[in-house]
């Protein structure tokens, strides 16, 4: 009827430190991504498709991390690690759905950079407001039915042995390790869904950047090439962090994994990427940095008026 999330039970002397550390990380994620979301919505200079997608990506990161970190913080604080079967399934479903959304949204952001660099004259027509809304809406909702079905299929398995879940949230690999009987078909389904929602967007991103690099290298001046590459570097860093850990976690054979490795990889795509997302996009983007510097003064002047 319930699982026990071990989280970091193997280091009992570090429970207080880990609680403070992850609480600080959660606050940083909420503040950093919240600021990015607000300035992309309120600053007149950032009302372009690229920043529209960035704002949605920051909101997604807040939702994504809020599915896992609050429960983990509660467990670290109270030392109560049990989670009901229904709550575990619900958490997994949200994680899978939001993870699929992130894959699609990163692919959409790559397509946006491809359209801006490879077809600059047609860019305003190709990426108009209606198209941007459709792409974002599709990213948010397209994975919902399949991920609900996959979650139901995994939790229809019999669990007749240990209920100790050596992880910090309900993820697919540790859940399958606790299932009784042959899970080969379930693993194949996980592999197929991961290939669809992780590998396909990743390949689309690679194709987009292949065309971008080919176009940029043909530009006449080094300044133009540097400027074009600078608009893509932040996105590429986030792609490397998220897809690198996600591909290894879900497309790696079960026999090659360990609980410790799964934990580390999961930390990357659930926590590390949301932490570094606002830093990467603000420190490496002149427009965002300028908006961050000017926004407090603009806000104060509007309040005075």
Protein backbone atom coordinates (compact mmCIF):
# COMPACT_ATOMS: atom_id res chain seq x y z
CA UNK A 1 0.00 0.00 0.00
CA UNK A 2 3.00 2.32 0.37
CA UNK A 3 6.69 2.77 -0.42
CA UNK A 4 9.50 4.07 1.76
CA UNK A 5 11.63 6.69 0.00
CA UNK A 6 15.09 6.18 1.45
CA UNK A 7 16.32 9.51 -0.03
CA UNK A 8 19.66 9.92 1.83
CA UNK A 9 18.99 7.58 4.76
CA UNK A 10 22.50 6.10 4.38
CA UNK A 11 23.97 9.36 5.77
CA UNK A 12 21.86 10.02 8.91
CA UNK A 13 24.41 12.48 10.32
CA UNK A 14 23.92 14.76 7.30
CA UNK A 15 20.11 15.03 7.39
CA UNK A 16 20.09 18.57 8.84
CA UNK A 17 22.76 19.78 6.42
CA UNK A 18 20.96 18.22 3.43
CA UNK A 19 17.67 19.84 4.46
CA UNK A 20 19.32 23.28 4.61
CA UNK A 21 21.16 22.67 1.33
CA UNK A 22 18.09 21.57 -0.65
CA UNK A 23 15.94 24.29 0.91
CA UNK A 24 18.47 26.87 -0.28
CA UNK A 25 18.52 25.24 -3.73
CA UNK A 26 14.70 25.32 -3.90
CA UNK A 27 14.61 29.01 -2.96
CA UNK A 28 17.28 29.79 -5.59
CA UNK A 29 15.29 27.90 -8.24
CA UNK A 30 12.02 29.67 -7.36
CA UNK A 31 13.61 33.12 -7.25
CA UNK A 32 15.88 32.74 -10.27
CA UNK A 33 13.31 31.21 -12.62
CA UNK A 34 10.55 33.42 -11.20
CA UNK A 35 12.54 36.56 -12.03
CA UNK A 36 13.26 35.30 -15.56
CA UNK A 37 9.56 34.52 -16.04
CA UNK A 38 8.48 37.96 -14.80
CA UNK A 39 10.91 40.04 -16.84
CA UNK A 40 10.13 38.14 -20.05
CA UNK A 41 6.45 38.93 -19.49
CA UNK A 42 6.76 42.53 -18.29
CA UNK A 43 9.80 44.02 -20.04
CA UNK A 44 8.86 45.61 -23.40
CA UNK A 45 12.30 44.85 -24.85
CA UNK A 46 11.89 41.11 -24.34
CA UNK A 47 8.61 40.61 -26.19
CA UNK A 48 10.05 38.31 -28.85
CA UNK A 49 9.49 34.59 -29.54
CA UNK A 50 12.86 33.63 -28.02
CA UNK A 51 12.03 35.24 -24.68
CA UNK A 52 8.42 34.03 -24.83
CA UNK A 53 9.77 30.46 -24.93
CA UNK A 54 12.34 31.26 -22.25
CA UNK A 55 9.60 32.55 -19.93
CA UNK A 56 7.60 29.36 -20.42
CA UNK A 57 10.72 27.29 -19.86
CA UNK A 58 11.38 29.06 -16.54
CA UNK A 59 7.77 28.45 -15.45
CA UNK A 60 8.17 24.80 -16.41
CA UNK A 61 11.32 24.51 -14.30
CA UNK A 62 9.44 25.87 -11.27
CA UNK A 63 6.65 23.32 -11.76
CA UNK A 64 9.11 20.49 -12.42
CA UNK A 65 11.16 20.99 -9.26
CA UNK A 66 8.05 21.63 -7.12
CA UNK A 67 6.90 18.06 -7.79
CA UNK A 68 9.95 16.56 -6.05
CA UNK A 69 11.73 18.99 -3.71
CA UNK A 70 8.92 19.93 -1.25
CA UNK A 71 8.23 16.27 -0.42
CA UNK A 72 11.94 15.56 -0.11
CA UNK A 73 12.37 18.54 2.23
CA UNK A 74 9.44 17.34 4.34
CA UNK A 75 10.97 13.87 4.60
CA UNK A 76 14.37 15.26 5.58
CA UNK A 77 12.77 17.49 8.23
CA UNK A 78 10.34 14.98 9.77
CA UNK A 79 12.27 11.75 8.94
CA UNK A 80 8.94 10.29 7.74
CA UNK A 81 9.74 8.72 4.38
CA UNK A 82 6.59 6.74 3.56
CA UNK A 83 4.60 7.58 0.44
CA UNK A 84 1.33 5.94 -0.57
CA UNK A 85 1.00 4.03 -3.82
CA UNK A 86 -1.42 6.66 -5.20
CA UNK A 87 0.81 9.58 -4.19
CA UNK A 88 3.83 7.84 -5.70
CA UNK A 89 1.98 7.21 -8.98
CA UNK A 90 0.76 10.82 -9.07
CA UNK A 91 4.27 12.15 -8.50
CA UNK A 92 5.68 9.92 -11.24
CA UNK A 93 2.97 10.98 -13.69
CA UNK A 94 3.68 14.67 -13.11
CA UNK A 95 7.45 14.14 -13.40
CA UNK A 96 7.11 12.21 -16.67
CA UNK A 97 4.64 14.70 -18.15
CA UNK A 98 6.71 17.75 -17.21
CA UNK A 99 9.87 16.00 -18.37
CA UNK A 100 8.27 15.34 -21.77
CA UNK A 101 7.19 18.99 -21.90
CA UNK A 102 10.77 20.09 -21.23
CA UNK A 103 12.08 17.89 -24.05
CA UNK A 104 9.56 19.33 -26.51
CA UNK A 105 10.07 22.91 -25.34
CA UNK A 106 13.85 22.65 -25.74
CA UNK A 107 13.27 21.35 -29.27
CA UNK A 108 10.91 24.28 -29.97
CA UNK A 109 13.55 26.72 -28.70
CA UNK A 110 16.11 25.13 -31.04
CA UNK A 111 13.68 25.49 -33.96
CA UNK A 112 13.17 29.14 -33.02
CA UNK A 113 16.94 29.76 -33.21
CA UNK A 114 17.06 27.88 -36.53
CA UNK A 115 14.28 30.06 -38.00
CA UNK A 116 15.90 33.27 -36.69
CA UNK A 117 19.38 32.52 -38.02
CA UNK A 118 18.71 30.51 -41.18
CA UNK A 119 15.61 32.43 -42.40
CA UNK A 120 15.87 35.91 -40.84
CA UNK A 121 13.65 37.61 -43.43
CA UNK A 122 10.82 35.12 -42.99
CA UNK A 123 11.28 34.80 -39.22
CA UNK A 124 8.51 37.28 -38.20
CA UNK A 125 6.02 35.36 -40.36
CA UNK A 126 7.20 31.87 -39.43
CA UNK A 127 7.29 32.56 -35.68
CA UNK A 128 4.26 34.82 -35.25
CA UNK A 129 2.39 35.02 -31.95
CA UNK A 130 -0.22 32.41 -32.93
CA UNK A 131 2.45 29.88 -33.92
CA UNK A 132 4.34 30.50 -30.67
CA UNK A 133 1.18 29.86 -28.63
CA UNK A 134 0.48 26.65 -30.57
CA UNK A 135 4.04 25.37 -30.14
CA UNK A 136 4.02 26.05 -26.39
CA UNK A 137 0.54 24.57 -25.91
CA UNK A 138 1.55 21.48 -27.87
CA UNK A 139 4.67 21.09 -25.73
CA UNK A 140 2.64 21.28 -22.50
CA UNK A 141 -0.19 18.90 -23.40
CA UNK A 142 1.15 16.44 -26.00
CA UNK A 143 2.76 14.09 -23.49
CA UNK A 144 -0.13 13.93 -21.02
CA UNK A 145 -2.15 10.93 -22.37
CA UNK A 146 0.88 8.71 -23.05
CA UNK A 147 2.54 9.46 -19.72
CA UNK A 148 -0.71 8.79 -17.83
CA UNK A 149 -0.98 5.46 -19.66
CA UNK A 150 2.65 4.58 -18.91
CA UNK A 151 2.21 5.40 -15.21
CA UNK A 152 -0.93 3.25 -14.96
CA UNK A 153 0.85 0.40 -16.73
CA UNK A 154 3.84 0.52 -14.37
CA UNK A 155 1.70 0.68 -11.21
CA UNK A 156 -0.47 -2.21 -12.39
CA UNK A 157 2.55 -4.46 -11.77
CA UNK A 158 2.56 -6.60 -8.60
CA UNK A 159 4.82 -5.38 -5.79
CA UNK A 160 5.26 -8.32 -3.42
CA UNK A 161 8.79 -7.89 -2.08
CA UNK A 162 10.60 -4.97 -0.49
CA UNK A 163 8.91 -1.58 -0.40
CA UNK A 164 12.17 0.34 0.14
CA UNK A 165 12.61 2.79 -2.74
CA UNK A 166 16.28 3.79 -2.90
CA UNK A 167 15.64 7.17 -4.48
CA UNK A 168 14.47 10.66 -3.54
CA UNK A 169 11.32 10.59 -5.68
CA UNK A 170 9.16 8.04 -7.53
CA UNK A 171 11.05 7.47 -10.76
CA UNK A 172 10.67 4.62 -13.24
CA UNK A 173 14.00 2.72 -12.80
CA UNK A 174 13.78 2.27 -8.99
CA UNK A 175 10.05 1.40 -9.16
CA UNK A 176 10.68 -1.33 -11.76
CA UNK A 177 13.40 -2.80 -9.55
CA UNK A 178 10.78 -3.44 -6.84
CA UNK A 179 8.27 -5.11 -9.17
CA UNK A 180 7.77 -8.86 -9.01
CA UNK A 181 8.00 -11.16 -12.00
CA UNK A 182 9.24 -10.45 -15.50
CA UNK A 183 9.36 -6.72 -16.31
CA UNK A 184 10.89 -7.09 -19.79
CA UNK A 185 7.80 -5.80 -21.62
CA UNK A 186 7.54 -2.86 -19.22
CA UNK A 187 11.19 -2.00 -19.80
CA UNK A 188 10.66 -2.14 -23.57
CA UNK A 189 7.67 0.20 -23.22
CA UNK A 190 9.75 2.60 -21.12
CA UNK A 191 12.52 2.45 -23.73
CA UNK A 192 10.05 3.13 -26.56
CA UNK A 193 8.39 6.07 -24.80
CA UNK A 194 11.79 7.48 -23.84
CA UNK A 195 12.94 7.21 -27.44
CA UNK A 196 9.81 9.07 -28.55
CA UNK A 197 9.88 11.83 -25.93
CA UNK A 198 13.63 12.16 -25.31
CA UNK A 199 15.56 10.85 -28.29
CA UNK A 200 13.35 12.33 -31.06
CA UNK A 201 13.42 15.91 -29.66
CA UNK A 202 17.16 15.55 -29.06
CA UNK A 203 17.73 14.51 -32.69
CA UNK A 204 15.57 17.43 -33.88
CA UNK A 205 17.74 19.76 -31.79
CA UNK A 206 20.89 18.27 -33.35
CA UNK A 207 19.48 18.72 -36.86
CA UNK A 208 18.49 22.33 -36.09
CA UNK A 209 21.94 23.17 -34.77
CA UNK A 210 23.60 21.37 -37.67
CA UNK A 211 21.80 23.71 -40.05
CA UNK A 212 22.52 26.70 -37.77
CA UNK A 213 26.25 25.96 -37.70
CA UNK A 214 26.33 25.49 -41.46
CA UNK A 215 24.60 28.87 -41.96
CA UNK A 216 26.71 30.72 -39.40
CA UNK A 217 30.00 29.51 -40.86
CA UNK A 218 28.99 31.09 -44.19
CA UNK A 219 28.57 34.55 -42.62
CA UNK A 220 31.20 37.02 -43.93
CA UNK A 221 32.44 38.58 -40.68
CA UNK A 222 33.72 37.08 -37.44
CA UNK A 223 31.55 39.54 -35.49
CA UNK A 224 28.38 38.25 -37.16
CA UNK A 225 29.39 34.66 -36.51
CA UNK A 226 30.15 35.39 -32.85
CA UNK A 227 26.82 37.18 -32.36
CA UNK A 228 24.88 34.33 -33.97
CA UNK A 229 26.60 31.69 -31.88
CA UNK A 230 26.11 33.70 -28.67
CA UNK A 231 22.32 33.54 -29.05
CA UNK A 232 22.53 29.73 -29.11
CA UNK A 233 25.22 28.97 -26.51
CA UNK A 234 22.93 29.29 -23.47
CA UNK A 235 20.35 26.95 -24.96
CA UNK A 236 23.03 24.41 -25.90
CA UNK A 237 24.35 24.32 -22.31
CA UNK A 238 20.87 23.62 -20.92
CA UNK A 239 20.29 20.94 -23.60
CA UNK A 240 23.58 19.22 -22.69
CA UNK A 241 22.73 19.18 -18.96
CA UNK A 242 19.15 17.97 -19.32
CA UNK A 243 19.37 15.53 -22.23
CA UNK A 244 22.75 14.11 -21.22
CA UNK A 245 21.45 12.81 -17.89
CA UNK A 246 17.95 11.98 -19.22
CA UNK A 247 19.21 9.86 -22.13
CA UNK A 248 21.55 7.84 -19.88
CA UNK A 249 18.85 7.31 -17.22
CA UNK A 250 16.00 6.09 -19.44
CA UNK A 251 17.79 4.55 -22.44
CA UNK A 252 20.47 2.67 -20.48
CA UNK A 253 19.96 -1.10 -20.02
CA UNK A 254 18.63 -1.95 -16.54
CA UNK A 255 21.57 -4.28 -15.82
CA UNK A 256 24.06 -1.42 -16.17
CA UNK A 257 22.45 0.80 -13.55
CA UNK A 258 22.86 1.19 -9.82
CA UNK A 259 20.76 3.07 -7.27
CA UNK A 260 23.59 5.52 -6.62
CA UNK A 261 24.05 6.26 -10.33
CA UNK A 262 20.30 6.74 -10.82
CA UNK A 263 20.22 9.22 -7.93
CA UNK A 264 23.10 11.28 -9.32
CA UNK A 265 21.66 11.35 -12.83
CA UNK A 266 18.21 12.26 -11.50
CA UNK A 267 19.72 15.16 -9.52
CA UNK A 268 21.05 16.57 -12.78
CA UNK A 269 17.81 16.67 -14.76
CA UNK A 270 15.48 17.49 -11.84
CA UNK A 271 17.55 19.93 -9.76
CA UNK A 272 20.86 20.96 -11.37
CA UNK A 273 19.30 22.15 -14.64
CA UNK A 274 16.62 24.31 -12.91
CA UNK A 275 19.34 25.84 -10.69
CA UNK A 276 21.64 26.77 -13.55
CA UNK A 277 18.94 27.72 -16.06
CA UNK A 278 18.48 31.34 -14.85
CA UNK A 279 22.23 31.78 -14.36
CA UNK A 280 23.03 30.50 -17.85
CA UNK A 281 20.36 32.59 -19.55
CA UNK A 282 21.02 35.78 -17.58
CA UNK A 283 24.82 35.82 -17.39
CA UNK A 284 25.25 34.87 -21.07
CA UNK A 285 22.49 37.11 -22.46
CA UNK A 286 23.01 40.86 -22.77
CA UNK A 287 19.31 41.63 -23.25
CA UNK A 288 18.32 39.75 -20.10
CA UNK A 289 21.15 41.34 -18.10
CA UNK A 290 20.09 44.81 -19.25
CA UNK A 291 16.46 44.11 -18.41
CA UNK A 292 17.49 42.86 -14.94
CA UNK A 293 19.48 46.05 -14.29
CA UNK A 294 16.75 48.39 -15.54
CA UNK A 295 13.69 46.57 -14.21
CA UNK A 296 13.91 47.71 -10.54
CA UNK A 297 14.29 51.38 -11.56
CA UNK A 298 11.44 51.08 -14.07
CA UNK A 299 9.24 49.44 -11.46
CA UNK A 300 10.01 52.12 -8.85
CA UNK A 301 9.38 54.96 -11.30
CA UNK A 302 6.02 53.47 -12.30
CA UNK A 303 5.05 53.19 -8.64
CA UNK A 304 5.93 56.86 -8.06
CA UNK A 305 3.74 57.91 -10.99
